[in-house]
Amino acid sequence: MVEVLKSGAVQGLGLDARPDAWEAKLGSGYIDDVRKGRMRRDYGLVELSFIKKGEIWQCFEVSLQVHRLAKGISDIVPISLIEEYGELESRVRFSDLQVNATVEGLQVAQISDRGRHLHSRFSVMESRAIVHVLETDSGDGLRRGDIWSVSLARDFTARAAPIS
């Protein structure tokens, strides 16, 4: 995950990649949900969102749905990711990611949201990523301090703004 925070990409693919490039890299084990000029491509751990601009699908968000690892579903992680990084743990602690990110010279800053939320949010300016961290234990084996998701989005500035 630190690699995603460093590069703003998953296995070299980021927000500029088209659906065919993602399929070439991650395989055909996905579900497409297409509605009204939008497409969500779901690989399990990796989820992509596209908007249709003319005849071209433009990616506007790449997210790692880290919480899905806790479900123990065997094919939730694309094979190419397992080949590159090995088997992934069912839970990823934010504190571990934060230490590793700091070692890599990345600045992880908490977003000052007001009020109670299910997640704390942290931004990583170098990759324009938002990390969502659980604030309470969940019923599916995740604990406070576990990463829920990591998102890379074109509208990073708006998403990194505090929620009132």
Foldseek 3Di string as FASTA:
>chain_A
DLVCLQAVADVPDHQADFPVVCCVQQNDQWDWDDDDQKIWIAQQQWIWIWGDDPNGTGTFKIKGQLQSLLVVDPRNGRPNCCVVPNDDDSWAFPVVSVVVNVVVVWDWAWADADDDDQWTWIATVNNLKIWTFGCAADPRPRGGRTTRMIMHGPPSVVVSHYHD
